[in-house]
Amino acid sequence: MNDRAHINDIQLNAFRNNSMPHEEKITFLEHIGSCSFCSDRFATFMSEDLVAAPRDLKQNVLKAVRHEQIIKFKVKEASRRMQLFLYGLKVGTAATLALILLFFTVSLSDMADPDNSLQANMTQKASEEIKAPITSVIRDGMDAFCNNIMNLSNSIIK
């Protein structure tokens, strides 16, 4: 095909059927891009192959997109709920283990000091609480608790 000649029906059919050689196809497309007569003719020829879109295509596409967005929202909400559940489970487990550890350390400290009974310990602590300011009582209790935890962890590690 030379640049002065317009495309013919044989070339259009060869392009439609994809039977045109690669080099000829490049020349064919370059000619259509530069010649307005051939580009109009090509557009008319190719429009015969087009199928009319259904009337409700736009509504169907929008409905499908909305449906997809609703599904994504539901998945995201379920994921948030699952994360909240797992977080609650972790916090509950940690609190339960802390309470078990607290009771375990209290029972270990009672076993370590068999001379004093539990009631004597409580009476002594109550009398100390009356005499000492509340901040020192809390600090002493926390120190004792931390020491018990450290002793427990050291005995477990050994």
C-alpha atoms as a PDB file:
ATOM      1  CA  MET A   1       0.000   0.000   0.000  1.00  0.00           C
ATOM      2  CA  ASN A   2       1.452   3.357  -0.870  1.00  0.00           C
ATOM      3  CA  ASP A   3       0.720   6.586   0.979  1.00  0.00           C
ATOM      4  CA  ARG A   4      -1.435   8.046  -1.835  1.00  0.00           C
ATOM      5  CA  ALA A   5      -3.804   5.078  -2.178  1.00  0.00           C
ATOM      6  CA  HIS A   6      -6.714   4.562   0.163  1.00  0.00           C
ATOM      7  CA  ILE A   7      -7.427   1.293   1.892  1.00  0.00           C
ATOM      8  CA  ASN A   8      -9.703  -1.186   0.147  1.00  0.00           C
ATOM      9  CA  ASP A   9     -12.218  -3.799   1.303  1.00  0.00           C
ATOM     10  CA  ILE A  10      -9.702  -6.645   0.955  1.00  0.00           C
ATOM     11  CA  GLN A  11      -7.343  -4.921   3.391  1.00  0.00           C
ATOM     12  CA  LEU A  12     -10.193  -4.146   5.793  1.00  0.00           C
ATOM     13  CA  ASN A  13     -11.312  -7.790   5.799  1.00  0.00           C
ATOM     14  CA  ALA A  14      -7.734  -8.984   6.249  1.00  0.00           C
ATOM     15  CA  PHE A  15      -7.362  -6.685   9.245  1.00  0.00           C
ATOM     16  CA  ARG A  16     -10.687  -7.833  10.732  1.00  0.00           C
ATOM     17  CA  ASN A  17      -9.750 -11.513  10.313  1.00  0.00           C
ATOM     18  CA  ASN A  18      -6.217 -10.893  11.627  1.00  0.00           C
ATOM     19  CA  SER A  19      -4.707 -12.414   8.498  1.00  0.00           C
ATOM     20  CA  MET A  20      -2.621  -9.373   7.581  1.00  0.00           C
ATOM     21  CA  PRO A  21       1.185  -9.674   7.936  1.00  0.00           C
ATOM     22  CA  HIS A  22       2.735  -7.654  10.772  1.00  0.00           C
ATOM     23  CA  GLU A  23       4.610  -5.168   8.548  1.00  0.00           C
ATOM     24  CA  GLU A  24       1.552  -4.541   6.390  1.00  0.00           C
ATOM     25  CA  LYS A  25      -0.586  -4.091   9.513  1.00  0.00           C
ATOM     26  CA  ILE A  26       1.772  -1.377  10.795  1.00  0.00           C
ATOM     27  CA  THR A  27       1.611   0.454   7.470  1.00  0.00           C
ATOM     28  CA  PHE A  28      -2.172   0.006   7.407  1.00  0.00           C
ATOM     29  CA  LEU A  29      -2.608   1.526  10.866  1.00  0.00           C
ATOM     30  CA  GLU A  30      -0.206   4.397  10.128  1.00  0.00           C
ATOM     31  CA  HIS A  31      -2.225   5.220   7.000  1.00  0.00           C
ATOM     32  CA  ILE A  32      -5.501   5.190   8.949  1.00  0.00           C
ATOM     33  CA  GLY A  33      -3.932   7.537  11.505  1.00  0.00           C
ATOM     34  CA  SER A  34      -2.871  10.011   8.802  1.00  0.00           C
ATOM     35  CA  CYS A  35      -5.797   9.846   6.325  1.00  0.00           C
ATOM     36  CA  SER A  36      -9.164  11.149   7.508  1.00  0.00           C
ATOM     37  CA  PHE A  37     -11.041   9.501   4.618  1.00  0.00           C
ATOM     38  CA  CYS A  38      -9.622   6.051   5.460  1.00  0.00           C
ATOM     39  CA  SER A  39     -10.116   6.521   9.199  1.00  0.00           C
ATOM     40  CA  ASP A  40     -13.812   7.350   8.634  1.00  0.00           C
ATOM     41  CA  ARG A  41     -14.156   4.371   6.345  1.00  0.00           C
ATOM     42  CA  PHE A  42     -12.373   2.120   8.876  1.00  0.00           C
ATOM     43  CA  ALA A  43     -14.616   3.359  11.705  1.00  0.00           C
ATOM     44  CA  THR A  44     -17.746   2.677   9.634  1.00  0.00           C
ATOM     45  CA  PHE A  45     -16.473  -0.759   8.628  1.00  0.00           C
ATOM     46  CA  MET A  46     -15.604  -1.725  12.212  1.00  0.00           C
ATOM     47  CA  SER A  47     -18.869  -0.346  13.617  1.00  0.00           C
ATOM     48  CA  GLU A  48     -20.693  -3.162  11.826  1.00  0.00           C
ATOM     49  CA  ASP A  49     -19.104  -5.591  14.293  1.00  0.00           C
ATOM     50  CA  LEU A  50     -20.218  -3.649  17.351  1.00  0.00           C
ATOM     51  CA  VAL A  51     -23.027  -5.002  19.475  1.00  0.00           C
ATOM     52  CA  ALA A  52     -25.503  -2.656  21.083  1.00  0.00           C
ATOM     53  CA  ALA A  53     -25.222  -2.461  24.848  1.00  0.00           C
ATOM     54  CA  PRO A  54     -28.269  -3.454  26.904  1.00  0.00           C
ATOM     55  CA  ARG A  55     -30.409  -0.561  28.090  1.00  0.00           C
ATOM     56  CA  ASP A  56     -29.887  -1.352  31.762  1.00  0.00           C
ATOM     57  CA  LEU A  57     -26.118  -1.836  31.537  1.00  0.00           C
ATOM     58  CA  LYS A  58     -25.339   1.298  33.537  1.00  0.00           C
ATOM     59  CA  GLN A  59     -27.759   0.354  36.321  1.00  0.00           C
ATOM     60  CA  ASN A  60     -26.391  -3.197  36.427  1.00  0.00           C
ATOM     61  CA  VAL A  61     -22.796  -1.965  36.667  1.00  0.00           C
ATOM     62  CA  LEU A  62     -23.656   0.544  39.401  1.00  0.00           C
ATOM     63  CA  LYS A  63     -25.609  -2.116  41.286  1.00  0.00           C
ATOM     64  CA  ALA A  64     -22.677  -4.542  41.071  1.00  0.00           C
ATOM     65  CA  VAL A  65     -20.260  -1.873  42.287  1.00  0.00           C
ATOM     66  CA  ARG A  66     -22.531  -0.965  45.213  1.00  0.00           C
ATOM     67  CA  HIS A  67     -22.904  -4.639  46.064  1.00  0.00           C
ATOM     68  CA  GLU A  68     -19.117  -5.028  46.035  1.00  0.00           C
ATOM     69  CA  GLN A  69     -18.719  -1.988  48.292  1.00  0.00           C
ATOM     70  CA  ILE A  70     -21.286  -3.400  50.724  1.00  0.00           C
ATOM     71  CA  ILE A  71     -19.424  -6.707  50.827  1.00  0.00           C
ATOM     72  CA  LYS A  72     -16.116  -4.916  51.450  1.00  0.00           C
ATOM     73  CA  PHE A  73     -17.723  -2.919  54.282  1.00  0.00           C
ATOM     74  CA  LYS A  74     -19.139  -6.081  55.861  1.00  0.00           C
ATOM     75  CA  VAL A  75     -15.762  -7.826  55.646  1.00  0.00           C
ATOM     76  CA  LYS A  76     -14.041  -4.804  57.186  1.00  0.00           C
ATOM     77  CA  GLU A  77     -16.618  -4.676  59.994  1.00  0.00           C
ATOM     78  CA  ALA A  78     -16.228  -8.401  60.672  1.00  0.00           C
ATOM     79  CA  SER A  79     -12.450  -7.938  60.735  1.00  0.00           C
ATOM     80  CA  ARG A  80     -12.799  -5.129  63.291  1.00  0.00           C
ATOM     81  CA  ARG A  81     -15.038  -7.272  65.453  1.00  0.00           C
ATOM     82  CA  MET A  82     -12.606 -10.184  65.251  1.00  0.00           C
ATOM     83  CA  GLN A  83      -9.710  -7.915  66.192  1.00  0.00           C
ATOM     84  CA  LEU A  84     -11.694  -6.570  69.151  1.00  0.00           C
ATOM     85  CA  PHE A  85     -12.566 -10.105  70.226  1.00  0.00           C
ATOM     86  CA  LEU A  86      -8.917 -11.214  70.006  1.00  0.00           C
ATOM     87  CA  TYR A  87      -7.775  -8.123  71.899  1.00  0.00           C
ATOM     88  CA  GLY A  88     -10.337  -8.817  74.626  1.00  0.00           C
ATOM     89  CA  LEU A  89      -9.242 -12.429  74.746  1.00  0.00           C
ATOM     90  CA  LYS A  90      -5.608 -11.404  75.155  1.00  0.00           C
ATOM     91  CA  VAL A  91      -6.424  -8.873  77.877  1.00  0.00           C
ATOM     92  CA  GLY A  92      -8.632 -11.369  79.708  1.00  0.00           C
ATOM     93  CA  THR A  93      -5.948 -14.049  79.507  1.00  0.00           C
ATOM     94  CA  ALA A  94      -3.306 -11.636  80.765  1.00  0.00           C
ATOM     95  CA  ALA A  95      -5.510 -10.518  83.661  1.00  0.00           C
ATOM     96  CA  THR A  96      -6.334 -14.119  84.577  1.00  0.00           C
ATOM     97  CA  LEU A  97      -2.675 -15.119  84.493  1.00  0.00           C
ATOM     98  CA  ALA A  98      -1.747 -12.069  86.582  1.00  0.00           C
ATOM     99  CA  LEU A  99      -4.338 -13.041  89.205  1.00  0.00           C
ATOM    100  CA  ILE A 100      -3.152 -16.650  89.200  1.00  0.00           C
ATOM    101  CA  LEU A 101       0.427 -15.464  89.567  1.00  0.00           C
ATOM    102  CA  LEU A 102      -0.593 -13.147  92.402  1.00  0.00           C
ATOM    103  CA  PHE A 103      -2.358 -15.923  94.300  1.00  0.00           C
ATOM    104  CA  PHE A 104       0.476 -18.316  93.578  1.00  0.00           C
ATOM    105  CA  THR A 105       3.078 -15.906  94.933  1.00  0.00           C
ATOM    106  CA  VAL A 106       0.972 -15.258  98.040  1.00  0.00           C
ATOM    107  CA  SER A 107       0.687 -18.993  98.668  1.00  0.00           C
ATOM    108  CA  LEU A 108       4.437 -19.434  98.073  1.00  0.00           C
ATOM    109  CA  SER A 109       5.258 -16.677 100.541  1.00  0.00           C
ATOM    110  CA  ASP A 110       3.010 -18.385 103.098  1.00  0.00           C
ATOM    111  CA  MET A 111       4.804 -21.697 102.482  1.00  0.00           C
ATOM    112  CA  ALA A 112       8.199 -20.062 102.751  1.00  0.00           C
ATOM    113  CA  ASP A 113       7.380 -18.675 106.218  1.00  0.00           C
ATOM    114  CA  PRO A 114       5.649 -21.580 108.040  1.00  0.00           C
ATOM    115  CA  ASP A 115       6.193 -20.057 111.511  1.00  0.00           C
ATOM    116  CA  ASN A 116       3.684 -17.287 110.956  1.00  0.00           C
ATOM    117  CA  SER A 117       0.134 -18.182 110.218  1.00  0.00           C
ATOM    118  CA  LEU A 118      -1.944 -16.269 107.714  1.00  0.00           C
ATOM    119  CA  GLN A 119      -4.029 -14.679 110.427  1.00  0.00           C
ATOM    120  CA  ALA A 120      -0.959 -13.451 112.301  1.00  0.00           C
ATOM    121  CA  ASN A 121       0.382 -11.967 109.065  1.00  0.00           C
ATOM    122  CA  MET A 122      -2.886 -10.135 108.385  1.00  0.00           C
ATOM    123  CA  THR A 123      -3.035  -8.810 111.947  1.00  0.00           C
ATOM    124  CA  GLN A 124       0.529  -7.567 111.698  1.00  0.00           C
ATOM    125  CA  LYS A 125      -0.098  -5.919 108.330  1.00  0.00           C
ATOM    126  CA  ALA A 126      -3.279  -4.292 109.626  1.00  0.00           C
ATOM    127  CA  SER A 127      -1.430  -2.817 112.586  1.00  0.00           C
ATOM    128  CA  GLU A 128       1.343  -1.569 110.249  1.00  0.00           C
ATOM    129  CA  GLU A 129      -1.219   0.028 107.980  1.00  0.00           C
ATOM    130  CA  ILE A 130      -2.691   1.979 110.863  1.00  0.00           C
ATOM    131  CA  LYS A 131       0.709   3.294 111.918  1.00  0.00           C
ATOM    132  CA  ALA A 132       2.285   3.914 108.497  1.00  0.00           C
ATOM    133  CA  PRO A 133       1.052   6.347 105.846  1.00  0.00           C
ATOM    134  CA  ILE A 134      -0.874   4.767 102.970  1.00  0.00           C
ATOM    135  CA  THR A 135       1.815   5.535 100.392  1.00  0.00           C
ATOM    136  CA  SER A 136       4.468   3.627 102.278  1.00  0.00           C
ATOM    137  CA  VAL A 137       2.109   0.702 102.769  1.00  0.00           C
ATOM    138  CA  ILE A 138       1.401   0.596  99.029  1.00  0.00           C
ATOM    139  CA  ARG A 139       5.093   0.926  98.228  1.00  0.00           C
ATOM    140  CA  ASP A 140       6.004  -1.860 100.650  1.00  0.00           C
ATOM    141  CA  GLY A 141       3.287  -4.078  99.245  1.00  0.00           C
ATOM    142  CA  MET A 142       4.455  -3.473  95.675  1.00  0.00           C
ATOM    143  CA  ASP A 143       8.063  -4.132  96.675  1.00  0.00           C
ATOM    144  CA  ALA A 144       7.057  -7.392  98.296  1.00  0.00           C
ATOM    145  CA  PHE A 145       5.009  -8.373  95.262  1.00  0.00           C
ATOM    146  CA  CYS A 146       7.870  -7.574  92.878  1.00  0.00           C
ATOM    147  CA  ASN A 147      10.292  -9.557  95.053  1.00  0.00           C
ATOM    148  CA  ASN A 148       7.926 -12.525  95.074  1.00  0.00           C
ATOM    149  CA  ILE A 149       7.616 -12.413  91.283  1.00  0.00           C
ATOM    150  CA  MET A 150      11.385 -12.173  90.899  1.00  0.00           C
ATOM    151  CA  ASN A 151      11.924 -15.106  93.260  1.00  0.00           C
ATOM    152  CA  LEU A 152       9.312 -17.140  91.425  1.00  0.00           C
ATOM    153  CA  SER A 153      10.812 -16.411  88.019  1.00  0.00           C
ATOM    154  CA  ASN A 154      14.300 -17.229  89.319  1.00  0.00           C
ATOM    155  CA  SER A 155      13.071 -20.539  90.715  1.00  0.00           C
ATOM    156  CA  ILE A 156      11.379 -21.377  87.399  1.00  0.00           C
ATOM    157  CA  ILE A 157      14.466 -20.511  85.377  1.00  0.00           C
ATOM    158  CA  LYS A 158      16.720 -22.701  87.538  1.00  0.00           C
END
